[in-house]
PDB file of all heavy atoms in Angstrom:
ATOM      1  N   ARG A   1     -15.587   5.087  -8.155  1.00  0.00           N
ATOM      2  CA  ARG A   1     -14.898   4.661  -6.894  1.00  0.00           C
ATOM      3  C   ARG A   1     -14.146   3.393  -7.112  1.00  0.00           C
ATOM      4  O   ARG A   1     -12.969   3.241  -6.621  1.00  0.00           O
ATOM      5  CB  ARG A   1     -15.909   4.518  -5.745  1.00  0.00           C
ATOM      6  CG  ARG A   1     -15.350   3.978  -4.490  1.00  0.00           C
ATOM      7  CD  ARG A   1     -16.288   4.126  -3.252  1.00  0.00           C
ATOM      8  NE  ARG A   1     -16.392   5.499  -2.787  1.00  0.00           N
ATOM      9  CZ  ARG A   1     -15.420   6.063  -2.003  1.00  0.00           C
ATOM     10  NH1 ARG A   1     -14.305   5.379  -1.729  1.00  0.00           N
ATOM     11  NH2 ARG A   1     -15.674   7.240  -1.582  1.00  0.00           N
ATOM     12  N   ALA A   2     -14.744   2.392  -7.878  1.00  0.00           N
ATOM     13  CA  ALA A   2     -14.220   1.066  -7.969  1.00  0.00           C
ATOM     14  C   ALA A   2     -12.850   1.224  -8.860  1.00  0.00           C
ATOM     15  O   ALA A   2     -11.860   0.579  -8.533  1.00  0.00           O
ATOM     16  CB  ALA A   2     -15.054   0.186  -8.760  1.00  0.00           C
ATOM     17  N   LYS A   3     -12.870   2.214  -9.820  1.00  0.00           N
ATOM     18  CA  LYS A   3     -11.636   2.369 -10.665  1.00  0.00           C
ATOM     19  C   LYS A   3     -10.546   3.035  -9.879  1.00  0.00           C
ATOM     20  O   LYS A   3      -9.430   2.588  -9.849  1.00  0.00           O
ATOM     21  CB  LYS A   3     -11.906   3.100 -11.897  1.00  0.00           C
ATOM     22  CG  LYS A   3     -10.687   3.416 -12.807  1.00  0.00           C
ATOM     23  CD  LYS A   3     -11.100   3.627 -14.212  1.00  0.00           C
ATOM     24  CE  LYS A   3      -9.978   3.558 -15.131  1.00  0.00           C
ATOM     25  NZ  LYS A   3     -10.293   3.453 -16.407  1.00  0.00           N
ATOM     26  N   ILE A   4     -10.869   4.017  -9.122  1.00  0.00           N
ATOM     27  CA  ILE A   4      -9.867   4.668  -8.216  1.00  0.00           C
ATOM     28  C   ILE A   4      -9.313   3.783  -7.208  1.00  0.00           C
ATOM     29  O   ILE A   4      -8.054   3.753  -6.871  1.00  0.00           O
ATOM     30  CB  ILE A   4     -10.450   5.988  -7.657  1.00  0.00           C
ATOM     31  CG1 ILE A   4     -10.984   6.990  -8.753  1.00  0.00           C
ATOM     32  CG2 ILE A   4      -9.441   6.681  -6.707  1.00  0.00           C
ATOM     33  CD1 ILE A   4      -9.875   7.425  -9.651  1.00  0.00           C
ATOM     34  N   GLU A   5     -10.161   2.898  -6.576  1.00  0.00           N
ATOM     35  CA  GLU A   5      -9.802   1.905  -5.585  1.00  0.00           C
ATOM     36  C   GLU A   5      -8.817   0.947  -6.210  1.00  0.00           C
ATOM     37  O   GLU A   5      -7.784   0.558  -5.539  1.00  0.00           O
ATOM     38  CB  GLU A   5     -11.059   1.370  -4.986  1.00  0.00           C
ATOM     39  CG  GLU A   5     -10.710   0.259  -3.903  1.00  0.00           C
ATOM     40  CD  GLU A   5     -10.034   0.951  -2.658  1.00  0.00           C
ATOM     41  OE1 GLU A   5     -10.081   2.022  -2.451  1.00  0.00           O
ATOM     42  OE2 GLU A   5      -9.473   0.101  -1.866  1.00  0.00           O
ATOM     43  N   THR A   6      -9.069   0.587  -7.405  1.00  0.00           N
ATOM     44  CA  THR A   6      -8.181  -0.469  -8.015  1.00  0.00           C
ATOM     45  C   THR A   6      -6.834   0.171  -8.230  1.00  0.00           C
ATOM     46  O   THR A   6      -5.751  -0.440  -7.968  1.00  0.00           O
ATOM     47  CB  THR A   6      -8.792  -0.827  -9.413  1.00  0.00           C
ATOM     48  OG1 THR A   6     -10.005  -1.474  -9.154  1.00  0.00           O
ATOM     49  CG2 THR A   6      -7.855  -1.845 -10.122  1.00  0.00           C
ATOM     50  N   ILE A   7      -6.799   1.406  -8.707  1.00  0.00           N
ATOM     51  CA  ILE A   7      -5.566   2.064  -8.953  1.00  0.00           C
ATOM     52  C   ILE A   7      -4.817   2.333  -7.557  1.00  0.00           C
ATOM     53  O   ILE A   7      -3.520   2.036  -7.500  1.00  0.00           O
ATOM     54  CB  ILE A   7      -5.723   3.582  -9.558  1.00  0.00           C
ATOM     55  CG1 ILE A   7      -6.346   3.303 -10.972  1.00  0.00           C
ATOM     56  CG2 ILE A   7      -4.496   4.314  -9.589  1.00  0.00           C
ATOM     57  CD1 ILE A   7      -6.753   4.682 -11.617  1.00  0.00           C
ATOM     58  N   ARG A   8      -5.567   2.626  -6.578  1.00  0.00           N
ATOM     59  CA  ARG A   8      -4.972   2.807  -5.152  1.00  0.00           C
ATOM     60  C   ARG A   8      -4.288   1.545  -4.713  1.00  0.00           C
ATOM     61  O   ARG A   8      -3.087   1.471  -4.318  1.00  0.00           O
ATOM     62  CB  ARG A   8      -5.940   3.317  -4.168  1.00  0.00           C
ATOM     63  CG  ARG A   8      -5.417   3.545  -2.790  1.00  0.00           C
ATOM     64  CD  ARG A   8      -6.473   3.705  -1.773  1.00  0.00           C
ATOM     65  NE  ARG A   8      -7.041   2.426  -1.506  1.00  0.00           N
ATOM     66  CZ  ARG A   8      -6.623   1.526  -0.727  1.00  0.00           C
ATOM     67  NH1 ARG A   8      -5.436   1.772   0.034  1.00  0.00           N
ATOM     68  NH2 ARG A   8      -7.182   0.444  -0.405  1.00  0.00           N
ATOM     69  N   GLU A   9      -5.050   0.405  -4.849  1.00  0.00           N
ATOM     70  CA  GLU A   9      -4.550  -0.894  -4.485  1.00  0.00           C
ATOM     71  C   GLU A   9      -3.262  -1.313  -5.119  1.00  0.00           C
ATOM     72  O   GLU A   9      -2.312  -1.740  -4.570  1.00  0.00           O
ATOM     73  CB  GLU A   9      -5.562  -1.975  -4.546  1.00  0.00           C
ATOM     74  CG  GLU A   9      -6.709  -1.726  -3.558  1.00  0.00           C
ATOM     75  CD  GLU A   9      -7.885  -2.816  -3.684  1.00  0.00           C
ATOM     76  OE1 GLU A   9      -7.825  -3.480  -4.777  1.00  0.00           O
ATOM     77  OE2 GLU A   9      -8.780  -2.823  -2.796  1.00  0.00           O
ATOM     78  N   GLN A  10      -3.273  -1.106  -6.515  1.00  0.00           N
ATOM     79  CA  GLN A  10      -2.068  -1.464  -7.390  1.00  0.00           C
ATOM     80  C   GLN A  10      -0.829  -0.588  -6.971  1.00  0.00           C
ATOM     81  O   GLN A  10       0.198  -1.161  -6.830  1.00  0.00           O
ATOM     82  CB  GLN A  10      -2.422  -1.221  -8.769  1.00  0.00           C
ATOM     83  CG  GLN A  10      -3.520  -2.194  -9.351  1.00  0.00           C
ATOM     84  CD  GLN A  10      -3.955  -1.909 -10.771  1.00  0.00           C
ATOM     85  OE1 GLN A  10      -3.796  -0.832 -11.208  1.00  0.00           O
ATOM     86  NE2 GLN A  10      -4.638  -2.849 -11.406  1.00  0.00           N
ATOM     87  N   GLU A  11      -1.047   0.691  -6.799  1.00  0.00           N
ATOM     88  CA  GLU A  11       0.094   1.528  -6.480  1.00  0.00           C
ATOM     89  C   GLU A  11       0.642   1.249  -5.068  1.00  0.00           C
ATOM     90  O   GLU A  11       1.877   1.300  -4.801  1.00  0.00           O
ATOM     91  CB  GLU A  11      -0.317   3.015  -6.621  1.00  0.00           C
ATOM     92  CG  GLU A  11      -0.625   3.433  -8.055  1.00  0.00           C
ATOM     93  CD  GLU A  11       0.493   3.149  -9.011  1.00  0.00           C
ATOM     94  OE1 GLU A  11       1.722   3.463  -8.639  1.00  0.00           O
ATOM     95  OE2 GLU A  11       0.269   2.445 -10.039  1.00  0.00           O
ATOM     96  N   LEU A  12      -0.255   0.984  -4.126  1.00  0.00           N
ATOM     97  CA  LEU A  12       0.035   0.609  -2.798  1.00  0.00           C
ATOM     98  C   LEU A  12       0.903  -0.595  -2.812  1.00  0.00           C
ATOM     99  O   LEU A  12       1.953  -0.753  -2.110  1.00  0.00           O
ATOM    100  CB  LEU A  12      -1.137   0.502  -1.892  1.00  0.00           C
ATOM    101  CG  LEU A  12      -0.823   0.232  -0.423  1.00  0.00           C
ATOM    102  CD1 LEU A  12       0.011   1.275   0.211  1.00  0.00           C
ATOM    103  CD2 LEU A  12      -2.145  -0.032   0.335  1.00  0.00           C
ATOM    104  N   GLU A  13       0.421  -1.645  -3.600  1.00  0.00           N
ATOM    105  CA  GLU A  13       1.130  -2.910  -3.584  1.00  0.00           C
ATOM    106  C   GLU A  13       2.560  -2.720  -4.133  1.00  0.00           C
ATOM    107  O   GLU A  13       3.599  -3.280  -3.635  1.00  0.00           O
ATOM    108  CB  GLU A  13       0.458  -3.961  -4.509  1.00  0.00           C
ATOM    109  CG  GLU A  13       1.007  -5.360  -4.466  1.00  0.00           C
ATOM    110  CD  GLU A  13       0.130  -6.314  -5.316  1.00  0.00           C
ATOM    111  OE1 GLU A  13      -0.914  -5.946  -5.584  1.00  0.00           O
ATOM    112  OE2 GLU A  13       0.642  -7.383  -5.501  1.00  0.00           O
ATOM    113  N   LYS A  14       2.791  -1.847  -5.129  1.00  0.00           N
ATOM    114  CA  LYS A  14       4.110  -1.586  -5.739  1.00  0.00           C
ATOM    115  C   LYS A  14       5.008  -0.911  -4.668  1.00  0.00           C
ATOM    116  O   LYS A  14       6.158  -1.265  -4.605  1.00  0.00           O
ATOM    117  CB  LYS A  14       3.935  -0.662  -6.992  1.00  0.00           C
ATOM    118  CG  LYS A  14       3.341  -1.311  -8.229  1.00  0.00           C
ATOM    119  CD  LYS A  14       3.258  -0.282  -9.285  1.00  0.00           C
ATOM    120  CE  LYS A  14       2.447  -0.829 -10.557  1.00  0.00           C
ATOM    121  NZ  LYS A  14       2.314   0.203 -11.523  1.00  0.00           N
ATOM    122  N   ALA A  15       4.449   0.078  -4.024  1.00  0.00           N
ATOM    123  CA  ALA A  15       5.169   0.795  -3.080  1.00  0.00           C
ATOM    124  C   ALA A  15       5.642  -0.158  -1.915  1.00  0.00           C
ATOM    125  O   ALA A  15       6.821  -0.144  -1.453  1.00  0.00           O
ATOM    126  CB  ALA A  15       4.349   1.932  -2.443  1.00  0.00           C
ATOM    127  N   LEU A  16       4.738  -1.057  -1.390  1.00  0.00           N
ATOM    128  CA  LEU A  16       5.101  -1.902  -0.328  1.00  0.00           C
ATOM    129  C   LEU A  16       6.126  -2.864  -0.716  1.00  0.00           C
ATOM    130  O   LEU A  16       7.017  -3.290   0.013  1.00  0.00           O
ATOM    131  CB  LEU A  16       3.792  -2.586   0.238  1.00  0.00           C
ATOM    132  CG  LEU A  16       2.741  -1.708   0.928  1.00  0.00           C
ATOM    133  CD1 LEU A  16       1.602  -2.414   1.371  1.00  0.00           C
ATOM    134  CD2 LEU A  16       3.398  -1.046   2.127  1.00  0.00           C
ATOM    135  N   SER A  17       6.072  -3.351  -1.904  1.00  0.00           N
ATOM    136  CA  SER A  17       7.008  -4.351  -2.482  1.00  0.00           C
ATOM    137  C   SER A  17       8.397  -3.760  -2.553  1.00  0.00           C
ATOM    138  O   SER A  17       9.412  -4.388  -2.259  1.00  0.00           O
ATOM    139  CB  SER A  17       6.681  -4.950  -3.781  1.00  0.00           C
ATOM    140  OG  SER A  17       6.666  -3.951  -4.882  1.00  0.00           O
ATOM    141  N   ARG A  18       8.443  -2.470  -2.815  1.00  0.00           N
ATOM    142  CA  ARG A  18       9.745  -1.750  -2.913  1.00  0.00           C
ATOM    143  C   ARG A  18      10.413  -1.520  -1.553  1.00  0.00           C
ATOM    144  O   ARG A  18      11.564  -1.460  -1.369  1.00  0.00           O
ATOM    145  CB  ARG A  18       9.727  -0.423  -3.646  1.00  0.00           C
ATOM    146  CG  ARG A  18       9.452  -0.563  -5.137  1.00  0.00           C
ATOM    147  CD  ARG A  18       9.858   0.715  -5.890  1.00  0.00           C
ATOM    148  NE  ARG A  18       8.939   1.827  -5.466  1.00  0.00           N
ATOM    149  CZ  ARG A  18       7.754   2.212  -6.094  1.00  0.00           C
ATOM    150  NH1 ARG A  18       7.358   1.410  -7.039  1.00  0.00           N
ATOM    151  NH2 ARG A  18       7.106   3.152  -5.653  1.00  0.00           N
ATOM    152  N   LEU A  19       9.561  -1.381  -0.532  1.00  0.00           N
ATOM    153  CA  LEU A  19      10.008  -1.203   0.798  1.00  0.00           C
ATOM    154  C   LEU A  19      10.584  -2.375   1.491  1.00  0.00           C
ATOM    155  O   LEU A  19      11.211  -2.302   2.454  1.00  0.00           O
ATOM    156  CB  LEU A  19       8.818  -0.597   1.648  1.00  0.00           C
ATOM    157  CG  LEU A  19       8.405   0.932   1.347  1.00  0.00           C
ATOM    158  CD1 LEU A  19       7.123   1.276   2.074  1.00  0.00           C
ATOM    159  CD2 LEU A  19       9.505   1.926   1.678  1.00  0.00           C
ATOM    160  N   GLY A  20      10.205  -3.522   0.961  1.00  0.00           N
ATOM    161  CA  GLY A  20      10.681  -4.778   1.451  1.00  0.00           C
ATOM    162  C   GLY A  20       9.998  -5.363   2.653  1.00  0.00           C
ATOM    163  O   GLY A  20       9.129  -4.687   3.244  1.00  0.00           O
ATOM    164  N   THR A  21      10.353  -6.627   2.967  1.00  0.00           N
ATOM    165  CA  THR A  21       9.655  -7.358   4.017  1.00  0.00           C
ATOM    166  C   THR A  21       9.957  -6.772   5.464  1.00  0.00           C
ATOM    167  O   THR A  21       9.242  -7.025   6.342  1.00  0.00           O
ATOM    168  CB  THR A  21      10.066  -8.818   4.105  1.00  0.00           C
ATOM    169  OG1 THR A  21      11.534  -8.924   4.158  1.00  0.00           O
ATOM    170  CG2 THR A  21       9.672  -9.559   2.784  1.00  0.00           C
ATOM    171  N   GLU A  22      11.020  -6.006   5.554  1.00  0.00           N
ATOM    172  CA  GLU A  22      11.359  -5.533   6.893  1.00  0.00           C
ATOM    173  C   GLU A  22      10.412  -4.306   7.263  1.00  0.00           C
ATOM    174  O   GLU A  22      10.395  -3.894   8.413  1.00  0.00           O
ATOM    175  CB  GLU A  22      12.798  -5.017   6.983  1.00  0.00           C
ATOM    176  CG  GLU A  22      13.002  -3.688   6.144  1.00  0.00           C
ATOM    177  CD  GLU A  22      13.252  -3.968   4.682  1.00  0.00           C
ATOM    178  OE1 GLU A  22      13.038  -5.172   4.275  1.00  0.00           O
ATOM    179  OE2 GLU A  22      13.574  -2.881   3.995  1.00  0.00           O
ATOM    180  N   PHE A  23       9.557  -3.940   6.296  1.00  0.00           N
ATOM    181  CA  PHE A  23       8.592  -2.917   6.666  1.00  0.00           C
ATOM    182  C   PHE A  23       7.518  -3.286   7.545  1.00  0.00           C
ATOM    183  O   PHE A  23       6.790  -4.345   7.283  1.00  0.00           O
ATOM    184  CB  PHE A  23       7.947  -2.299   5.329  1.00  0.00           C
ATOM    185  CG  PHE A  23       7.346  -1.003   5.477  1.00  0.00           C
ATOM    186  CD1 PHE A  23       8.215   0.162   5.635  1.00  0.00           C
ATOM    187  CD2 PHE A  23       5.993  -0.819   5.371  1.00  0.00           C
ATOM    188  CE1 PHE A  23       7.695   1.470   5.634  1.00  0.00           C
ATOM    189  CE2 PHE A  23       5.476   0.501   5.446  1.00  0.00           C
ATOM    190  CZ  PHE A  23       6.287   1.633   5.645  1.00  0.00           C
ATOM    191  N   ALA A  24       7.443  -2.749   8.744  1.00  0.00           N
ATOM    192  CA  ALA A  24       6.534  -3.215   9.819  1.00  0.00           C
ATOM    193  C   ALA A  24       5.083  -3.124   9.420  1.00  0.00           C
ATOM    194  O   ALA A  24       4.632  -2.282   8.655  1.00  0.00           O
ATOM    195  CB  ALA A  24       6.707  -2.438  11.141  1.00  0.00           C
ATOM    196  N   ASP A  25       4.297  -4.111   9.928  1.00  0.00           N
ATOM    197  CA  ASP A  25       2.815  -4.139   9.752  1.00  0.00           C
ATOM    198  C   ASP A  25       2.254  -2.843  10.069  1.00  0.00           C
ATOM    199  O   ASP A  25       1.312  -2.340   9.327  1.00  0.00           O
ATOM    200  CB  ASP A  25       2.201  -5.293  10.373  1.00  0.00           C
ATOM    201  CG  ASP A  25       2.452  -6.603   9.874  1.00  0.00           C
ATOM    202  OD1 ASP A  25       2.951  -6.687   8.733  1.00  0.00           O
ATOM    203  OD2 ASP A  25       2.271  -7.651  10.504  1.00  0.00           O
ATOM    204  N   LYS A  26       2.537  -2.202  11.104  1.00  0.00           N
ATOM    205  CA  LYS A  26       1.910  -0.951  11.550  1.00  0.00           C
ATOM    206  C   LYS A  26       2.198   0.101  10.634  1.00  0.00           C
ATOM    207  O   LYS A  26       1.436   0.998  10.403  1.00  0.00           O
ATOM    208  CB  LYS A  26       2.376  -0.594  12.990  1.00  0.00           C
ATOM    209  CG  LYS A  26       3.867  -0.210  13.185  1.00  0.00           C
ATOM    210  CD  LYS A  26       4.108   0.212  14.612  1.00  0.00           C
ATOM    211  CE  LYS A  26       5.565   0.663  14.717  1.00  0.00           C
ATOM    212  NZ  LYS A  26       5.823   1.059  16.137  1.00  0.00           N
ATOM    213  N   HIS A  27       3.349   0.112   9.984  1.00  0.00           N
ATOM    214  CA  HIS A  27       3.633   1.146   8.891  1.00  0.00           C
ATOM    215  C   HIS A  27       2.789   0.904   7.760  1.00  0.00           C
ATOM    216  O   HIS A  27       2.297   1.803   7.096  1.00  0.00           O
ATOM    217  CB  HIS A  27       5.134   1.065   8.495  1.00  0.00           C
ATOM    218  CG  HIS A  27       6.087   1.471   9.704  1.00  0.00           C
ATOM    219  ND1 HIS A  27       7.244   0.934   9.950  1.00  0.00           N
ATOM    220  CD2 HIS A  27       5.868   2.467  10.629  1.00  0.00           C
ATOM    221  CE1 HIS A  27       7.756   1.474  11.054  1.00  0.00           C
ATOM    222  NE2 HIS A  27       6.949   2.426  11.452  1.00  0.00           N
ATOM    223  N   GLN A  28       2.544  -0.387   7.407  1.00  0.00           N
ATOM    224  CA  GLN A  28       1.720  -0.683   6.238  1.00  0.00           C
ATOM    225  C   GLN A  28       0.282  -0.150   6.469  1.00  0.00           C
ATOM    226  O   GLN A  28      -0.409   0.425   5.647  1.00  0.00           O
ATOM    227  CB  GLN A  28       1.523  -2.227   6.039  1.00  0.00           C
ATOM    228  CG  GLN A  28       2.925  -2.809   5.476  1.00  0.00           C
ATOM    229  CD  GLN A  28       2.755  -4.244   5.170  1.00  0.00           C
ATOM    230  OE1 GLN A  28       1.756  -4.684   4.783  1.00  0.00           O
ATOM    231  NE2 GLN A  28       3.893  -5.010   5.287  1.00  0.00           N
ATOM    232  N   GLU A  29      -0.265  -0.337   7.739  1.00  0.00           N
ATOM    233  CA  GLU A  29      -1.550   0.157   8.111  1.00  0.00           C
ATOM    234  C   GLU A  29      -1.686   1.703   7.892  1.00  0.00           C
ATOM    235  O   GLU A  29      -2.716   2.224   7.500  1.00  0.00           O
ATOM    236  CB  GLU A  29      -1.868  -0.296   9.472  1.00  0.00           C
ATOM    237  CG  GLU A  29      -2.077  -1.829   9.665  1.00  0.00           C
ATOM    238  CD  GLU A  29      -2.268  -2.212  11.088  1.00  0.00           C
ATOM    239  OE1 GLU A  29      -2.317  -1.369  11.998  1.00  0.00           O
ATOM    240  OE2 GLU A  29      -2.380  -3.363  11.363  1.00  0.00           O
ATOM    241  N   VAL A  30      -0.603   2.413   8.311  1.00  0.00           N
ATOM    242  CA  VAL A  30      -0.582   3.931   8.226  1.00  0.00           C
ATOM    243  C   VAL A  30      -0.631   4.263   6.816  1.00  0.00           C
ATOM    244  O   VAL A  30      -1.474   5.118   6.489  1.00  0.00           O
ATOM    245  CB  VAL A  30       0.719   4.408   8.933  1.00  0.00           C
ATOM    246  CG1 VAL A  30       0.849   5.932   8.555  1.00  0.00           C
ATOM    247  CG2 VAL A  30       0.698   4.230  10.429  1.00  0.00           C
ATOM    248  N   ILE A  31       0.068   3.652   6.002  1.00  0.00           N
ATOM    249  CA  ILE A  31       0.129   4.084   4.515  1.00  0.00           C
ATOM    250  C   ILE A  31      -1.369   3.692   3.886  1.00  0.00           C
ATOM    251  O   ILE A  31      -1.765   4.378   3.028  1.00  0.00           O
ATOM    252  CB  ILE A  31       1.314   3.369   3.838  1.00  0.00           C
ATOM    253  CG1 ILE A  31       2.594   3.994   4.302  1.00  0.00           C
ATOM    254  CG2 ILE A  31       1.129   3.577   2.292  1.00  0.00           C
ATOM    255  CD1 ILE A  31       3.916   3.436   3.546  1.00  0.00           C
ATOM    256  N   GLU A  32      -1.818   2.544   4.324  1.00  0.00           N
ATOM    257  CA  GLU A  32      -3.175   2.085   3.791  1.00  0.00           C
ATOM    258  C   GLU A  32      -4.133   3.169   4.165  1.00  0.00           C
ATOM    259  O   GLU A  32      -4.929   3.531   3.300  1.00  0.00           O
ATOM    260  CB  GLU A  32      -3.499   0.736   4.423  1.00  0.00           C
ATOM    261  CG  GLU A  32      -4.875   0.284   4.210  1.00  0.00           C
ATOM    262  CD  GLU A  32      -5.027  -0.561   2.878  1.00  0.00           C
ATOM    263  OE1 GLU A  32      -4.024  -1.018   2.420  1.00  0.00           O
ATOM    264  OE2 GLU A  32      -6.091  -0.627   2.411  1.00  0.00           O
ATOM    265  N   ALA A  33      -4.224   3.565   5.450  1.00  0.00           N
ATOM    266  CA  ALA A  33      -5.113   4.727   5.848  1.00  0.00           C
ATOM    267  C   ALA A  33      -4.893   5.959   5.176  1.00  0.00           C
ATOM    268  O   ALA A  33      -5.849   6.612   4.758  1.00  0.00           O
ATOM    269  CB  ALA A  33      -5.070   4.836   7.405  1.00  0.00           C
ATOM    270  N   LEU A  34      -3.583   6.259   4.852  1.00  0.00           N
ATOM    271  CA  LEU A  34      -3.251   7.500   4.163  1.00  0.00           C
ATOM    272  C   LEU A  34      -3.828   7.559   2.787  1.00  0.00           C
ATOM    273  O   LEU A  34      -4.457   8.535   2.371  1.00  0.00           O
ATOM    274  CB  LEU A  34      -1.672   7.683   4.241  1.00  0.00           C
ATOM    275  CG  LEU A  34      -1.177   8.893   3.358  1.00  0.00           C
ATOM    276  CD1 LEU A  34      -1.639  10.168   3.878  1.00  0.00           C
ATOM    277  CD2 LEU A  34       0.333   8.745   3.198  1.00  0.00           C
TER     278      LEU A  34
END
């Protein structure tokens, strides 16, 4: 679980950085939950 969670957090961070700062917080929460 720890290894998969680390991978999830790293890939999520990459995706959010590509989406840019204009990406709303509520959208980040949706992708986090997804």
